[in-house]
Amino acid sequence: MIVYNVTVNIDTSVHDEWLQWMKEKHIPDVMHTGMFLENKICRILAESEGGISYAIQYLCPDLETLERYQRLFAPALQAEHIQRYQGKVAAFRTLLEVVHQQ
């Protein structure tokens, strides 16, 4: 299993609207691609200058499926996010391999 982790810092001026949009629009759009098994939004519990940080995590069955998502769906979904929150958001992505889970 692969965890596709997107760490996001969002400006406080748009935080509430962004969080609602993520829950009601963006994450459902990502899940509707059929590439992920589950998702979660985790608020990062650390002080951050200029914003609030989150880790958005998507569970993917394997790297092949993730690569398909990145090729077919990610560019448009990421562009929509950037266009909507340009200048108010910073994001980076990390891939994690699940080596043990109970």
N, C-alpha and C. Protein backbone atom coordinates (compact mmCIF):
# COMPACT_ATOMS: atom_id res chain seq x y z
N MET A 1 0.84 -1.18 0.00
CA MET A 1 0.00 0.00 0.00
C MET A 1 0.89 1.25 0.00
N ILE A 2 0.39 2.26 -0.66
CA ILE A 2 1.10 3.54 -0.77
C ILE A 2 0.22 4.64 -0.19
N VAL A 3 0.83 5.50 0.62
CA VAL A 3 0.14 6.69 1.11
C VAL A 3 0.66 7.87 0.29
N TYR A 4 -0.26 8.52 -0.39
CA TYR A 4 0.04 9.74 -1.14
C TYR A 4 -0.31 10.89 -0.20
N ASN A 5 0.71 11.54 0.32
CA ASN A 5 0.54 12.58 1.33
C ASN A 5 0.77 13.95 0.69
N VAL A 6 -0.21 14.83 0.82
CA VAL A 6 -0.09 16.20 0.32
C VAL A 6 -0.10 17.12 1.54
N THR A 7 1.04 17.74 1.80
CA THR A 7 1.15 18.68 2.91
C THR A 7 0.85 20.07 2.37
N VAL A 8 -0.10 20.74 3.03
CA VAL A 8 -0.59 22.03 2.54
C VAL A 8 -0.53 23.04 3.68
N ASN A 9 -0.04 24.24 3.34
CA ASN A 9 -0.15 25.37 4.26
C ASN A 9 -1.08 26.37 3.60
N ILE A 10 -2.17 26.69 4.29
CA ILE A 10 -3.20 27.57 3.73
C ILE A 10 -3.28 28.86 4.55
N ASP A 11 -3.36 29.97 3.87
CA ASP A 11 -3.46 31.27 4.52
C ASP A 11 -4.72 31.32 5.38
N THR A 12 -4.61 31.91 6.56
CA THR A 12 -5.74 31.96 7.48
C THR A 12 -6.93 32.75 6.89
N SER A 13 -6.67 33.66 5.97
CA SER A 13 -7.75 34.47 5.40
C SER A 13 -8.73 33.65 4.56
N VAL A 14 -8.30 32.48 4.08
CA VAL A 14 -9.19 31.64 3.27
C VAL A 14 -9.34 30.24 3.86
N HIS A 15 -8.84 30.05 5.05
CA HIS A 15 -8.80 28.71 5.66
C HIS A 15 -10.16 28.03 5.70
N ASP A 16 -11.16 28.67 6.28
CA ASP A 16 -12.46 28.03 6.46
C ASP A 16 -13.10 27.64 5.12
N GLU A 17 -13.03 28.55 4.16
CA GLU A 17 -13.60 28.28 2.83
C GLU A 17 -12.82 27.14 2.16
N TRP A 18 -11.48 27.17 2.28
CA TRP A 18 -10.64 26.12 1.69
C TRP A 18 -10.97 24.75 2.28
N LEU A 19 -11.08 24.68 3.60
CA LEU A 19 -11.35 23.40 4.25
C LEU A 19 -12.70 22.84 3.80
N GLN A 20 -13.70 23.69 3.70
CA GLN A 20 -15.01 23.26 3.22
C GLN A 20 -14.92 22.78 1.77
N TRP A 21 -14.21 23.53 0.93
CA TRP A 21 -14.04 23.15 -0.48
C TRP A 21 -13.30 21.82 -0.60
N MET A 22 -12.30 21.62 0.23
CA MET A 22 -11.56 20.34 0.20
C MET A 22 -12.49 19.18 0.55
N LYS A 23 -13.30 19.35 1.59
CA LYS A 23 -14.20 18.28 2.04
C LYS A 23 -15.33 18.00 1.04
N GLU A 24 -15.87 19.06 0.47
CA GLU A 24 -17.07 18.92 -0.36
C GLU A 24 -16.80 18.80 -1.86
N LYS A 25 -15.64 19.26 -2.33
CA LYS A 25 -15.38 19.27 -3.77
C LYS A 25 -14.09 18.53 -4.15
N HIS A 26 -12.95 19.02 -3.67
CA HIS A 26 -11.67 18.50 -4.16
C HIS A 26 -11.44 17.04 -3.79
N ILE A 27 -11.57 16.69 -2.53
CA ILE A 27 -11.32 15.31 -2.13
C ILE A 27 -12.34 14.37 -2.76
N PRO A 28 -13.64 14.69 -2.81
CA PRO A 28 -14.55 13.82 -3.55
C PRO A 28 -14.16 13.66 -5.02
N ASP A 29 -13.67 14.73 -5.66
CA ASP A 29 -13.21 14.62 -7.05
C ASP A 29 -12.03 13.65 -7.16
N VAL A 30 -11.09 13.75 -6.23
CA VAL A 30 -9.94 12.83 -6.22
C VAL A 30 -10.42 11.39 -6.02
N MET A 31 -11.32 11.18 -5.09
CA MET A 31 -11.80 9.83 -4.81
C MET A 31 -12.61 9.26 -5.98
N HIS A 32 -13.30 10.11 -6.71
CA HIS A 32 -14.10 9.65 -7.86
C HIS A 32 -13.23 9.16 -9.02
N THR A 33 -11.92 9.39 -8.96
CA THR A 33 -11.03 8.85 -9.99
C THR A 33 -10.94 7.33 -9.88
N GLY A 34 -11.29 6.78 -8.71
CA GLY A 34 -11.22 5.34 -8.50
C GLY A 34 -9.83 4.83 -8.20
N MET A 35 -8.87 5.72 -8.02
CA MET A 35 -7.48 5.31 -7.80
C MET A 35 -7.14 5.09 -6.32
N PHE A 36 -7.96 5.60 -5.42
CA PHE A 36 -7.65 5.55 -3.99
C PHE A 36 -8.71 4.78 -3.21
N LEU A 37 -8.28 4.18 -2.11
CA LEU A 37 -9.16 3.37 -1.29
C LEU A 37 -9.80 4.17 -0.16
N GLU A 38 -9.06 5.14 0.36
CA GLU A 38 -9.57 5.98 1.46
C GLU A 38 -8.75 7.25 1.53
N ASN A 39 -9.23 8.17 2.35
CA ASN A 39 -8.51 9.44 2.53
C ASN A 39 -8.74 9.96 3.93
N LYS A 40 -7.89 10.88 4.32
CA LYS A 40 -8.10 11.59 5.59
C LYS A 40 -7.42 12.95 5.53
N ILE A 41 -7.98 13.87 6.29
CA ILE A 41 -7.41 15.21 6.45
C ILE A 41 -6.88 15.28 7.87
N CYS A 42 -5.60 15.58 8.00
CA CYS A 42 -4.98 15.69 9.32
C CYS A 42 -4.43 17.11 9.50
N ARG A 43 -4.85 17.78 10.54
CA ARG A 43 -4.29 19.09 10.83
C ARG A 43 -2.96 18.90 11.52
N ILE A 44 -1.96 19.63 11.08
CA ILE A 44 -0.63 19.53 11.67
C ILE A 44 -0.61 20.40 12.92
N LEU A 45 -0.30 19.78 14.04
CA LEU A 45 -0.33 20.48 15.33
C LEU A 45 1.02 21.13 15.62
N ALA A 46 1.28 22.19 14.88
CA ALA A 46 2.51 22.96 15.07
C ALA A 46 2.23 24.41 14.70
N GLU A 47 2.93 25.30 15.35
CA GLU A 47 2.79 26.71 15.00
C GLU A 47 3.36 26.93 13.61
N SER A 48 2.67 27.73 12.82
CA SER A 48 3.12 28.01 11.47
C SER A 48 2.88 29.48 11.18
N GLU A 49 3.92 30.17 10.76
CA GLU A 49 3.76 31.58 10.41
C GLU A 49 2.98 31.71 9.12
N GLY A 50 1.95 32.53 9.14
CA GLY A 50 1.22 32.84 7.93
C GLY A 50 0.21 31.82 7.46
N GLY A 51 -0.14 30.86 8.27
CA GLY A 51 -1.13 29.92 7.81
C GLY A 51 -1.34 28.75 8.73
N ILE A 52 -2.19 27.84 8.29
CA ILE A 52 -2.52 26.62 9.02
C ILE A 52 -2.13 25.46 8.10
N SER A 53 -1.50 24.43 8.66
CA SER A 53 -1.00 23.33 7.84
C SER A 53 -1.79 22.05 8.05
N TYR A 54 -1.92 21.30 6.95
CA TYR A 54 -2.62 20.03 6.93
C TYR A 54 -1.81 19.00 6.16
N ALA A 55 -2.02 17.74 6.51
CA ALA A 55 -1.56 16.62 5.71
C ALA A 55 -2.81 15.92 5.19
N ILE A 56 -2.97 15.93 3.88
CA ILE A 56 -4.09 15.24 3.25
C ILE A 56 -3.52 13.90 2.76
N GLN A 57 -4.10 12.80 3.24
CA GLN A 57 -3.54 11.50 2.91
C GLN A 57 -4.55 10.64 2.15
N TYR A 58 -4.05 10.05 1.07
CA TYR A 58 -4.85 9.15 0.23
C TYR A 58 -4.16 7.79 0.22
N LEU A 59 -4.91 6.74 0.46
CA LEU A 59 -4.36 5.38 0.45
C LEU A 59 -4.57 4.76 -0.93
N CYS A 60 -3.48 4.30 -1.52
CA CYS A 60 -3.48 3.76 -2.87
C CYS A 60 -2.97 2.32 -2.83
N PRO A 61 -3.55 1.42 -3.63
CA PRO A 61 -3.13 0.02 -3.56
C PRO A 61 -1.68 -0.24 -3.95
N ASP A 62 -1.15 0.52 -4.93
CA ASP A 62 0.22 0.25 -5.38
C ASP A 62 0.75 1.44 -6.18
N LEU A 63 2.04 1.42 -6.47
CA LEU A 63 2.67 2.51 -7.21
C LEU A 63 2.13 2.65 -8.62
N GLU A 64 1.81 1.55 -9.26
CA GLU A 64 1.28 1.60 -10.62
C GLU A 64 -0.02 2.41 -10.67
N THR A 65 -0.89 2.18 -9.71
CA THR A 65 -2.16 2.92 -9.64
C THR A 65 -1.90 4.39 -9.37
N LEU A 66 -0.96 4.69 -8.47
CA LEU A 66 -0.63 6.08 -8.18
C LEU A 66 -0.06 6.77 -9.41
N GLU A 67 0.81 6.09 -10.13
CA GLU A 67 1.38 6.68 -11.34
C GLU A 67 0.30 6.95 -12.38
N ARG A 68 -0.68 6.08 -12.47
CA ARG A 68 -1.82 6.29 -13.38
C ARG A 68 -2.59 7.54 -12.95
N TYR A 69 -2.85 7.67 -11.64
CA TYR A 69 -3.53 8.87 -11.12
C TYR A 69 -2.74 10.12 -11.49
N GLN A 70 -1.42 10.08 -11.24
CA GLN A 70 -0.59 11.26 -11.51
C GLN A 70 -0.57 11.63 -12.99
N ARG A 71 -0.64 10.66 -13.84
CA ARG A 71 -0.60 10.90 -15.29
C ARG A 71 -1.96 11.38 -15.82
N LEU A 72 -3.04 10.74 -15.37
CA LEU A 72 -4.36 10.99 -15.96
C LEU A 72 -5.19 12.05 -15.27
N PHE A 73 -5.04 12.18 -13.96
CA PHE A 73 -5.96 13.03 -13.20
C PHE A 73 -5.31 14.18 -12.43
N ALA A 74 -4.12 13.96 -11.89
CA ALA A 74 -3.50 14.95 -11.01
C ALA A 74 -3.30 16.32 -11.66
N PRO A 75 -2.83 16.40 -12.90
CA PRO A 75 -2.58 17.74 -13.45
C PRO A 75 -3.81 18.66 -13.41
N ALA A 76 -4.96 18.17 -13.81
CA ALA A 76 -6.17 19.00 -13.81
C ALA A 76 -6.63 19.33 -12.40
N LEU A 77 -6.59 18.35 -11.51
CA LEU A 77 -7.04 18.58 -10.13
C LEU A 77 -6.11 19.55 -9.41
N GLN A 78 -4.82 19.42 -9.62
CA GLN A 78 -3.86 20.34 -8.99
C GLN A 78 -4.00 21.74 -9.57
N ALA A 79 -4.23 21.84 -10.88
CA ALA A 79 -4.39 23.15 -11.51
C ALA A 79 -5.61 23.88 -10.96
N GLU A 80 -6.70 23.14 -10.74
CA GLU A 80 -7.90 23.74 -10.18
C GLU A 80 -7.63 24.30 -8.78
N HIS A 81 -6.90 23.54 -7.97
CA HIS A 81 -6.55 23.95 -6.61
C HIS A 81 -5.67 25.20 -6.64
N ILE A 82 -4.66 25.19 -7.50
CA ILE A 82 -3.75 26.33 -7.60
C ILE A 82 -4.49 27.57 -8.08
N GLN A 83 -5.32 27.42 -9.10
CA GLN A 83 -6.06 28.56 -9.65
C GLN A 83 -6.98 29.17 -8.59
N ARG A 84 -7.63 28.32 -7.84
CA ARG A 84 -8.59 28.80 -6.84
C ARG A 84 -7.91 29.51 -5.66
N TYR A 85 -6.73 29.02 -5.26
CA TYR A 85 -6.08 29.55 -4.05
C TYR A 85 -4.69 30.11 -4.32
N GLN A 86 -4.45 30.56 -5.52
CA GLN A 86 -3.14 31.09 -5.90
C GLN A 86 -2.69 32.19 -4.95
N GLY A 87 -1.47 32.06 -4.47
CA GLY A 87 -0.92 33.04 -3.54
C GLY A 87 -1.34 32.83 -2.11
N LYS A 88 -2.27 31.92 -1.87
CA LYS A 88 -2.78 31.67 -0.51
C LYS A 88 -2.44 30.26 -0.02
N VAL A 89 -1.76 29.46 -0.86
CA VAL A 89 -1.50 28.08 -0.51
C VAL A 89 -0.11 27.66 -0.98
N ALA A 90 0.51 26.81 -0.19
CA ALA A 90 1.76 26.16 -0.59
C ALA A 90 1.58 24.68 -0.30
N ALA A 91 2.02 23.84 -1.23
CA ALA A 91 1.82 22.40 -1.06
C ALA A 91 3.04 21.63 -1.55
N PHE A 92 3.30 20.49 -0.91
CA PHE A 92 4.29 19.56 -1.43
C PHE A 92 3.78 18.15 -1.16
N ARG A 93 4.27 17.24 -1.98
CA ARG A 93 3.77 15.86 -1.96
C ARG A 93 4.86 14.89 -1.54
N THR A 94 4.45 13.87 -0.79
CA THR A 94 5.36 12.84 -0.31
C THR A 94 4.70 11.47 -0.52
N LEU A 95 5.47 10.50 -0.96
CA LEU A 95 4.98 9.14 -1.08
C LEU A 95 5.52 8.32 0.08
N LEU A 96 4.62 7.57 0.71
CA LEU A 96 4.99 6.71 1.83
C LEU A 96 4.57 5.28 1.51
N GLU A 97 5.41 4.34 1.85
CA GLU A 97 5.05 2.93 1.68
C GLU A 97 4.65 2.37 3.05
N VAL A 98 3.48 1.78 3.12
CA VAL A 98 3.02 1.15 4.36
C VAL A 98 3.78 -0.17 4.50
N VAL A 99 4.56 -0.29 5.58
CA VAL A 99 5.32 -1.53 5.80
C VAL A 99 4.71 -2.38 6.91
N HIS A 100 3.82 -1.78 7.71
CA HIS A 100 3.13 -2.53 8.75
C HIS A 100 1.89 -1.77 9.15
N GLN A 101 0.80 -2.51 9.34
CA GLN A 101 -0.46 -1.91 9.76
C GLN A 101 -1.23 -2.95 10.54
N GLN A 102 -1.88 -2.55 11.65
CA GLN A 102 -2.68 -3.48 12.44
C GLN A 102 -4.13 -3.05 12.43
